[in-house]
C-alpha atoms as a PDB file:
ATOM      1  CA  UNK A   1     117.820 117.793  91.300  1.00  0.00           C
ATOM      2  CA  UNK A   2     114.388 117.786  91.818  1.00  0.00           C
ATOM      3  CA  UNK A   3     113.467 117.010  88.067  1.00  0.00           C
ATOM      4  CA  UNK A   4     116.013 115.274  88.252  1.00  0.00           C
ATOM      5  CA  UNK A   5     114.803 112.658  90.532  1.00  0.00           C
ATOM      6  CA  UNK A   6     111.174 113.189  89.033  1.00  0.00           C
ATOM      7  CA  UNK A   7     111.889 112.104  85.561  1.00  0.00           C
ATOM      8  CA  UNK A   8     113.604 109.285  87.412  1.00  0.00           C
ATOM      9  CA  UNK A   9     110.331 108.089  88.951  1.00  0.00           C
ATOM     10  CA  UNK A  10     107.201 108.941  86.554  1.00  0.00           C
ATOM     11  CA  UNK A  11     108.959 108.444  83.367  1.00  0.00           C
ATOM     12  CA  UNK A  12     110.450 104.329  83.828  1.00  0.00           C
ATOM     13  CA  UNK A  13     106.753 103.574  85.473  1.00  0.00           C
ATOM     14  CA  UNK A  14     105.606 102.188  81.645  1.00  0.00           C
ATOM     15  CA  UNK A  15     109.283 101.154  80.741  1.00  0.00           C
ATOM     16  CA  UNK A  16     109.943  96.869  80.446  1.00  0.00           C
ATOM     17  CA  UNK A  17     111.853  95.358  82.666  1.00  0.00           C
ATOM     18  CA  UNK A  18     115.153  96.515  81.526  1.00  0.00           C
ATOM     19  CA  UNK A  19     114.820  99.892  81.713  1.00  0.00           C
ATOM     20  CA  UNK A  20     113.892  99.324  85.559  1.00  0.00           C
ATOM     21  CA  UNK A  21     117.187  96.745  86.756  1.00  0.00           C
ATOM     22  CA  UNK A  22     118.730  99.301  85.058  1.00  0.00           C
ATOM     23  CA  UNK A  23     117.526 101.688  87.556  1.00  0.00           C
ATOM     24  CA  UNK A  24     117.849  99.724  90.345  1.00  0.00           C
ATOM     25  CA  UNK A  25     121.539  99.251  89.429  1.00  0.00           C
ATOM     26  CA  UNK A  26     122.043 103.285  88.944  1.00  0.00           C
ATOM     27  CA  UNK A  27     120.757 104.311  91.845  1.00  0.00           C
ATOM     28  CA  UNK A  28     123.140 101.112  94.165  1.00  0.00           C
ATOM     29  CA  UNK A  29     125.817 102.303  92.202  1.00  0.00           C
ATOM     30  CA  UNK A  30     125.182 105.927  92.495  1.00  0.00           C
ATOM     31  CA  UNK A  31     124.779 105.080  96.755  1.00  0.00           C
ATOM     32  CA  UNK A  32     128.231 103.483  96.519  1.00  0.00           C
ATOM     33  CA  UNK A  33     130.097 106.291  95.316  1.00  0.00           C
ATOM     34  CA  UNK A  34     128.188 109.366  97.043  1.00  0.00           C
ATOM     35  CA  UNK A  35     127.165 107.979 100.628  1.00  0.00           C
ATOM     36  CA  UNK A  36     129.283 106.941 103.322  1.00  0.00           C
ATOM     37  CA  UNK A  37     129.719 103.184 103.402  1.00  0.00           C
ATOM     38  CA  UNK A  38     127.811 102.724 107.137  1.00  0.00           C
ATOM     39  CA  UNK A  39     125.391 104.745 105.440  1.00  0.00           C
ATOM     40  CA  UNK A  40     124.510 103.272 101.777  1.00  0.00           C
ATOM     41  CA  UNK A  41     125.654  99.356 103.584  1.00  0.00           C
ATOM     42  CA  UNK A  42     122.683  99.583 106.171  1.00  0.00           C
ATOM     43  CA  UNK A  43     119.923 101.402 103.271  1.00  0.00           C
ATOM     44  CA  UNK A  44     120.396  99.245 100.533  1.00  0.00           C
ATOM     45  CA  UNK A  45     120.095  96.583 102.545  1.00  0.00           C
ATOM     46  CA  UNK A  46     117.100  97.350 104.004  1.00  0.00           C
ATOM     47  CA  UNK A  47     115.607  98.796 100.244  1.00  0.00           C
ATOM     48  CA  UNK A  48     116.501  95.632  98.400  1.00  0.00           C
ATOM     49  CA  UNK A  49     115.350  93.338 101.313  1.00  0.00           C
ATOM     50  CA  UNK A  50     111.775  95.781 101.315  1.00  0.00           C
ATOM     51  CA  UNK A  51     111.595  95.207  97.707  1.00  0.00           C
ATOM     52  CA  UNK A  52     112.592  91.900  97.669  1.00  0.00           C
ATOM     53  CA  UNK A  53     109.630  91.056  99.796  1.00  0.00           C
ATOM     54  CA  UNK A  54     107.215  92.923  97.287  1.00  0.00           C
ATOM     55  CA  UNK A  55     108.370  91.474  94.236  1.00  0.00           C
ATOM     56  CA  UNK A  56     108.402  87.654  96.396  1.00  0.00           C
ATOM     57  CA  UNK A  57     104.334  88.576  97.161  1.00  0.00           C
ATOM     58  CA  UNK A  58     103.426  90.043  93.915  1.00  0.00           C
ATOM     59  CA  UNK A  59     104.543  88.175  91.555  1.00  0.00           C
ATOM     60  CA  UNK A  60     103.667  85.187  93.730  1.00  0.00           C
ATOM     61  CA  UNK A  61      99.974  86.222  94.466  1.00  0.00           C
ATOM     62  CA  UNK A  62      99.153  87.885  90.945  1.00  0.00           C
ATOM     63  CA  UNK A  63      97.647  85.082  89.597  1.00  0.00           C
ATOM     64  CA  UNK A  64      97.756  82.776  92.024  1.00  0.00           C
ATOM     65  CA  UNK A  65      93.101  82.807  92.129  1.00  0.00           C
ATOM     66  CA  UNK A  66      91.428  81.179  90.061  1.00  0.00           C
ATOM     67  CA  UNK A  67      89.431  83.738  87.304  1.00  0.00           C
ATOM     68  CA  UNK A  68      85.829  83.929  87.698  1.00  0.00           C
ATOM     69  CA  UNK A  69      84.894  84.246  84.271  1.00  0.00           C
ATOM     70  CA  UNK A  70      84.640  81.953  82.042  1.00  0.00           C
ATOM     71  CA  UNK A  71      84.723  83.049  78.140  1.00  0.00           C
ATOM     72  CA  UNK A  72      81.165  81.806  76.674  1.00  0.00           C
ATOM     73  CA  UNK A  73      82.715  81.652  73.421  1.00  0.00           C
ATOM     74  CA  UNK A  74      83.063  77.635  71.753  1.00  0.00           C
ATOM     75  CA  UNK A  75      86.353  75.571  71.509  1.00  0.00           C
ATOM     76  CA  UNK A  76      86.856  75.922  67.825  1.00  0.00           C
ATOM     77  CA  UNK A  77      86.795  72.904  67.819  1.00  0.00           C
ATOM     78  CA  UNK A  78      82.837  72.862  67.690  1.00  0.00           C
ATOM     79  CA  UNK A  79      83.074  75.396  65.058  1.00  0.00           C
ATOM     80  CA  UNK A  80      84.719  73.316  62.593  1.00  0.00           C
ATOM     81  CA  UNK A  81      87.781  75.956  62.630  1.00  0.00           C
ATOM     82  CA  UNK A  82      91.589  74.420  63.756  1.00  0.00           C
ATOM     83  CA  UNK A  83      93.301  74.587  66.736  1.00  0.00           C
ATOM     84  CA  UNK A  84      95.404  77.704  67.718  1.00  0.00           C
ATOM     85  CA  UNK A  85      98.903  76.778  66.335  1.00  0.00           C
ATOM     86  CA  UNK A  86     101.384  75.570  69.429  1.00  0.00           C
ATOM     87  CA  UNK A  87     104.094  78.912  69.383  1.00  0.00           C
ATOM     88  CA  UNK A  88     106.423  78.001  68.164  1.00  0.00           C
ATOM     89  CA  UNK A  89     109.270  79.151  70.207  1.00  0.00           C
ATOM     90  CA  UNK A  90     108.315  77.439  73.509  1.00  0.00           C
ATOM     91  CA  UNK A  91     105.757  80.340  75.229  1.00  0.00           C
ATOM     92  CA  UNK A  92     104.817  79.471  78.670  1.00  0.00           C
ATOM     93  CA  UNK A  93     102.697  81.245  80.751  1.00  0.00           C
ATOM     94  CA  UNK A  94     102.863  80.108  83.637  1.00  0.00           C
ATOM     95  CA  UNK A  95     107.034  80.490  84.495  1.00  0.00           C
ATOM     96  CA  UNK A  96     106.355  78.004  88.297  1.00  0.00           C
ATOM     97  CA  UNK A  97     104.192  76.857  89.913  1.00  0.00           C
ATOM     98  CA  UNK A  98     104.387  75.973  93.346  1.00  0.00           C
ATOM     99  CA  UNK A  99     101.078  74.220  94.702  1.00  0.00           C
ATOM    100  CA  UNK A 100      98.488  76.997  95.545  1.00  0.00           C
ATOM    101  CA  UNK A 101     100.928  79.009  94.100  1.00  0.00           C
ATOM    102  CA  UNK A 102     102.635  80.140  90.682  1.00  0.00           C
ATOM    103  CA  UNK A 103     104.625  82.813  89.462  1.00  0.00           C
ATOM    104  CA  UNK A 104     103.276  83.815  85.426  1.00  0.00           C
ATOM    105  CA  UNK A 105     103.938  86.210  83.090  1.00  0.00           C
ATOM    106  CA  UNK A 106     102.209  89.055  84.030  1.00  0.00           C
ATOM    107  CA  UNK A 107     102.882  88.545  88.154  1.00  0.00           C
ATOM    108  CA  UNK A 108     106.535  89.234  87.354  1.00  0.00           C
ATOM    109  CA  UNK A 109     105.941  91.878  85.244  1.00  0.00           C
ATOM    110  CA  UNK A 110     103.928  93.407  87.851  1.00  0.00           C
ATOM    111  CA  UNK A 111     106.428  92.422  90.912  1.00  0.00           C
ATOM    112  CA  UNK A 112     109.351  93.505  88.640  1.00  0.00           C
ATOM    113  CA  UNK A 113     107.839  96.557  87.775  1.00  0.00           C
ATOM    114  CA  UNK A 114     106.493  97.623  92.139  1.00  0.00           C
ATOM    115  CA  UNK A 115     109.837  95.856  92.972  1.00  0.00           C
ATOM    116  CA  UNK A 116     112.337  98.702  91.626  1.00  0.00           C
ATOM    117  CA  UNK A 117     109.593 101.019  91.951  1.00  0.00           C
ATOM    118  CA  UNK A 118     109.654 100.987  94.957  1.00  0.00           C
ATOM    119  CA  UNK A 119     113.642 100.769  95.498  1.00  0.00           C
ATOM    120  CA  UNK A 120     114.102 103.542  93.063  1.00  0.00           C
ATOM    121  CA  UNK A 121     111.201 105.969  95.261  1.00  0.00           C
ATOM    122  CA  UNK A 122     113.097 104.946  98.715  1.00  0.00           C
ATOM    123  CA  UNK A 123     116.691 105.187  97.432  1.00  0.00           C
ATOM    124  CA  UNK A 124     116.690 107.741  95.492  1.00  0.00           C
ATOM    125  CA  UNK A 125     114.953 109.764  98.169  1.00  0.00           C
ATOM    126  CA  UNK A 126     117.527 108.957 100.295  1.00  0.00           C
ATOM    127  CA  UNK A 127     120.853 109.954  98.177  1.00  0.00           C
ATOM    128  CA  UNK A 128     118.637 112.881  97.472  1.00  0.00           C
ATOM    129  CA  UNK A 129     118.596 114.039 101.543  1.00  0.00           C
ATOM    130  CA  UNK A 130     121.938 113.535 102.366  1.00  0.00           C
ATOM    131  CA  UNK A 131     123.236 115.390  99.419  1.00  0.00           C
ATOM    132  CA  UNK A 132     121.384 118.231  99.145  1.00  0.00           C
ATOM    133  CA  UNK A 133     121.306 120.663 101.982  1.00  0.00           C
ATOM    134  CA  UNK A 134     117.709 121.548 103.273  1.00  0.00           C
ATOM    135  CA  UNK A 135     118.655 125.715 101.979  1.00  0.00           C
ATOM    136  CA  UNK A 136     118.837 124.027  98.575  1.00  0.00           C
ATOM    137  CA  UNK A 137     116.383 122.413  99.070  1.00  0.00           C
ATOM    138  CA  UNK A 138     114.505 124.642  99.729  1.00  0.00           C
ATOM    139  CA  UNK A 139     114.946 127.211  96.834  1.00  0.00           C
ATOM    140  CA  UNK A 140     114.860 124.866  93.999  1.00  0.00           C
ATOM    141  CA  UNK A 141     111.428 125.105  95.100  1.00  0.00           C
ATOM    142  CA  UNK A 142     111.002 128.706  95.462  1.00  0.00           C
ATOM    143  CA  UNK A 143     112.375 128.523  92.066  1.00  0.00           C
ATOM    144  CA  UNK A 144     110.095 125.971  90.821  1.00  0.00           C
ATOM    145  CA  UNK A 145     106.751 127.703  92.635  1.00  0.00           C
ATOM    146  CA  UNK A 146     107.734 131.176  92.337  1.00  0.00           C
ATOM    147  CA  UNK A 147     105.123 131.609  89.514  1.00  0.00           C
ATOM    148  CA  UNK A 148     102.152 130.913  91.793  1.00  0.00           C
ATOM    149  CA  UNK A 149     102.418 134.084  93.736  1.00  0.00           C
ATOM    150  CA  UNK A 150     101.138 136.006  91.071  1.00  0.00           C
ATOM    151  CA  UNK A 151      98.326 134.142  91.824  1.00  0.00           C
ATOM    152  CA  UNK A 152      97.882 134.266  95.123  1.00  0.00           C
ATOM    153  CA  UNK A 153      99.709 131.899  96.586  1.00  0.00           C
ATOM    154  CA  UNK A 154     102.128 132.559  99.858  1.00  0.00           C
ATOM    155  CA  UNK A 155     105.439 131.337  98.330  1.00  0.00           C
ATOM    156  CA  UNK A 156     107.388 133.047 100.999  1.00  0.00           C
ATOM    157  CA  UNK A 157     105.511 131.436 104.158  1.00  0.00           C
ATOM    158  CA  UNK A 158     105.128 128.096 101.974  1.00  0.00           C
ATOM    159  CA  UNK A 159     109.000 127.903 102.293  1.00  0.00           C
ATOM    160  CA  UNK A 160     109.534 128.853 105.308  1.00  0.00           C
ATOM    161  CA  UNK A 161     107.395 126.090 106.645  1.00  0.00           C
ATOM    162  CA  UNK A 162     108.812 123.850 104.537  1.00  0.00           C
ATOM    163  CA  UNK A 163     112.446 124.956 105.130  1.00  0.00           C
ATOM    164  CA  UNK A 164     111.099 124.753 109.190  1.00  0.00           C
ATOM    165  CA  UNK A 165     109.950 120.603 108.505  1.00  0.00           C
ATOM    166  CA  UNK A 166     113.574 119.666 107.429  1.00  0.00           C
ATOM    167  CA  UNK A 167     115.303 121.584 110.286  1.00  0.00           C
ATOM    168  CA  UNK A 168     112.774 119.785 112.622  1.00  0.00           C
ATOM    169  CA  UNK A 169     113.374 116.165 111.183  1.00  0.00           C
ATOM    170  CA  UNK A 170     117.259 116.586 112.494  1.00  0.00           C
ATOM    171  CA  UNK A 171     115.984 117.479 115.815  1.00  0.00           C
ATOM    172  CA  UNK A 172     113.709 114.787 116.125  1.00  0.00           C
ATOM    173  CA  UNK A 173     116.017 112.145 114.583  1.00  0.00           C
ATOM    174  CA  UNK A 174     118.579 113.772 117.752  1.00  0.00           C
ATOM    175  CA  UNK A 175     116.238 113.119 119.785  1.00  0.00           C
ATOM    176  CA  UNK A 176     115.780 109.519 119.335  1.00  0.00           C
ATOM    177  CA  UNK A 177     120.399 108.717 119.397  1.00  0.00           C
ATOM    178  CA  UNK A 178     119.512 111.020 122.498  1.00  0.00           C
ATOM    179  CA  UNK A 179     117.376 108.764 124.451  1.00  0.00           C
ATOM    180  CA  UNK A 180     118.931 105.401 123.236  1.00  0.00           C
ATOM    181  CA  UNK A 181     122.345 107.217 124.448  1.00  0.00           C
ATOM    182  CA  UNK A 182     120.659 107.946 126.814  1.00  0.00           C
ATOM    183  CA  UNK A 183     118.853 103.438 127.469  1.00  0.00           C
ATOM    184  CA  UNK A 184     122.553 102.320 126.859  1.00  0.00           C
ATOM    185  CA  UNK A 185     124.109 104.295 129.625  1.00  0.00           C
ATOM    186  CA  UNK A 186     122.120 103.431 132.412  1.00  0.00           C
ATOM    187  CA  UNK A 187     123.288  99.375 131.123  1.00  0.00           C
ATOM    188  CA  UNK A 188     119.477  97.856 132.100  1.00  0.00           C
ATOM    189  CA  UNK A 189     119.380  94.113 132.233  1.00  0.00           C
ATOM    190  CA  UNK A 190     117.011  93.694 130.568  1.00  0.00           C
ATOM    191  CA  UNK A 191     116.078  89.814 131.491  1.00  0.00           C
ATOM    192  CA  UNK A 192     115.214  90.849 135.016  1.00  0.00           C
ATOM    193  CA  UNK A 193     112.948  92.888 134.162  1.00  0.00           C
ATOM    194  CA  UNK A 194     109.285  91.455 134.124  1.00  0.00           C
ATOM    195  CA  UNK A 195     107.300  92.670 131.187  1.00  0.00           C
ATOM    196  CA  UNK A 196     105.781  95.027 133.167  1.00  0.00           C
ATOM    197  CA  UNK A 197     108.426  96.722 133.397  1.00  0.00           C
ATOM    198  CA  UNK A 198     109.927  96.681 130.598  1.00  0.00           C
ATOM    199  CA  UNK A 199     106.366  97.970 128.764  1.00  0.00           C
ATOM    200  CA  UNK A 200     106.764 101.437 131.459  1.00  0.00           C
ATOM    201  CA  UNK A 201     110.515 101.544 131.036  1.00  0.00           C
ATOM    202  CA  UNK A 202     109.419 101.490 127.306  1.00  0.00           C
ATOM    203  CA  UNK A 203     106.529 104.556 127.933  1.00  0.00           C
ATOM    204  CA  UNK A 204     108.773 106.408 129.836  1.00  0.00           C
ATOM    205  CA  UNK A 205     111.011 106.793 126.934  1.00  0.00           C
ATOM    206  CA  UNK A 206     108.919 107.690 124.629  1.00  0.00           C
ATOM    207  CA  UNK A 207     106.471 110.681 126.966  1.00  0.00           C
ATOM    208  CA  UNK A 208     110.402 112.003 127.205  1.00  0.00           C
ATOM    209  CA  UNK A 209     111.107 111.936 123.653  1.00  0.00           C
ATOM    210  CA  UNK A 210     107.765 113.590 122.339  1.00  0.00           C
ATOM    211  CA  UNK A 211     108.013 115.804 125.629  1.00  0.00           C
ATOM    212  CA  UNK A 212     111.791 116.972 124.107  1.00  0.00           C
ATOM    213  CA  UNK A 213     109.997 117.169 120.903  1.00  0.00           C
ATOM    214  CA  UNK A 214     107.125 119.339 121.784  1.00  0.00           C
ATOM    215  CA  UNK A 215     109.346 121.455 124.143  1.00  0.00           C
ATOM    216  CA  UNK A 216     111.394 122.336 120.308  1.00  0.00           C
ATOM    217  CA  UNK A 217     108.998 122.814 118.167  1.00  0.00           C
ATOM    218  CA  UNK A 218     107.533 125.856 120.933  1.00  0.00           C
ATOM    219  CA  UNK A 219     111.129 126.885 120.763  1.00  0.00           C
ATOM    220  CA  UNK A 220     110.753 127.176 117.188  1.00  0.00           C
ATOM    221  CA  UNK A 221     107.331 128.884 117.229  1.00  0.00           C
ATOM    222  CA  UNK A 222     107.843 131.454 119.570  1.00  0.00           C
ATOM    223  CA  UNK A 223     111.256 132.528 117.179  1.00  0.00           C
END
């Protein structure tokens, strides 16, 4: 699974646009098939929004700034050469122009690559973590790095640290969820609170989250 994800993320970096869009469609369909509906609906929406914002920002800003370097070669007419022939296929470098911003072929390629790669990385990690248990991840990684034990690398300690880290992430989310449920159960009327009171409540619950997390971390370290 890890090698498969590594291949899907690394190899398409230099591929064409069709390959990028195909990977996005593949991970979207895979997420719908293997994840619960309440998970993939929220996850796909957030990742697609992030990728869309990245696409718009990169697409309109890659070639919007004018180039400060100009060619020192004289135009072909001054050298007695015929001008460059126009493309028979109607080639246009600038695809769309919005005031000072413009979408060019270079910007479209850069934006598509970055947006699709961002979607692939986030969604592949989501599918991987939601379908693979921490024990399976640790076992697979131990199989990969087991030859390093001959070089003196503490493989067992590294795998144990990874497994504890994966377990600890679940504890962090559980603490955040419990504190959020506690806030909802108290039915705090936020409209009647002043700004300072709202900030005080916010920092109180943040302090409680970190305190509970540190308690769990100390318990894990003692075990």
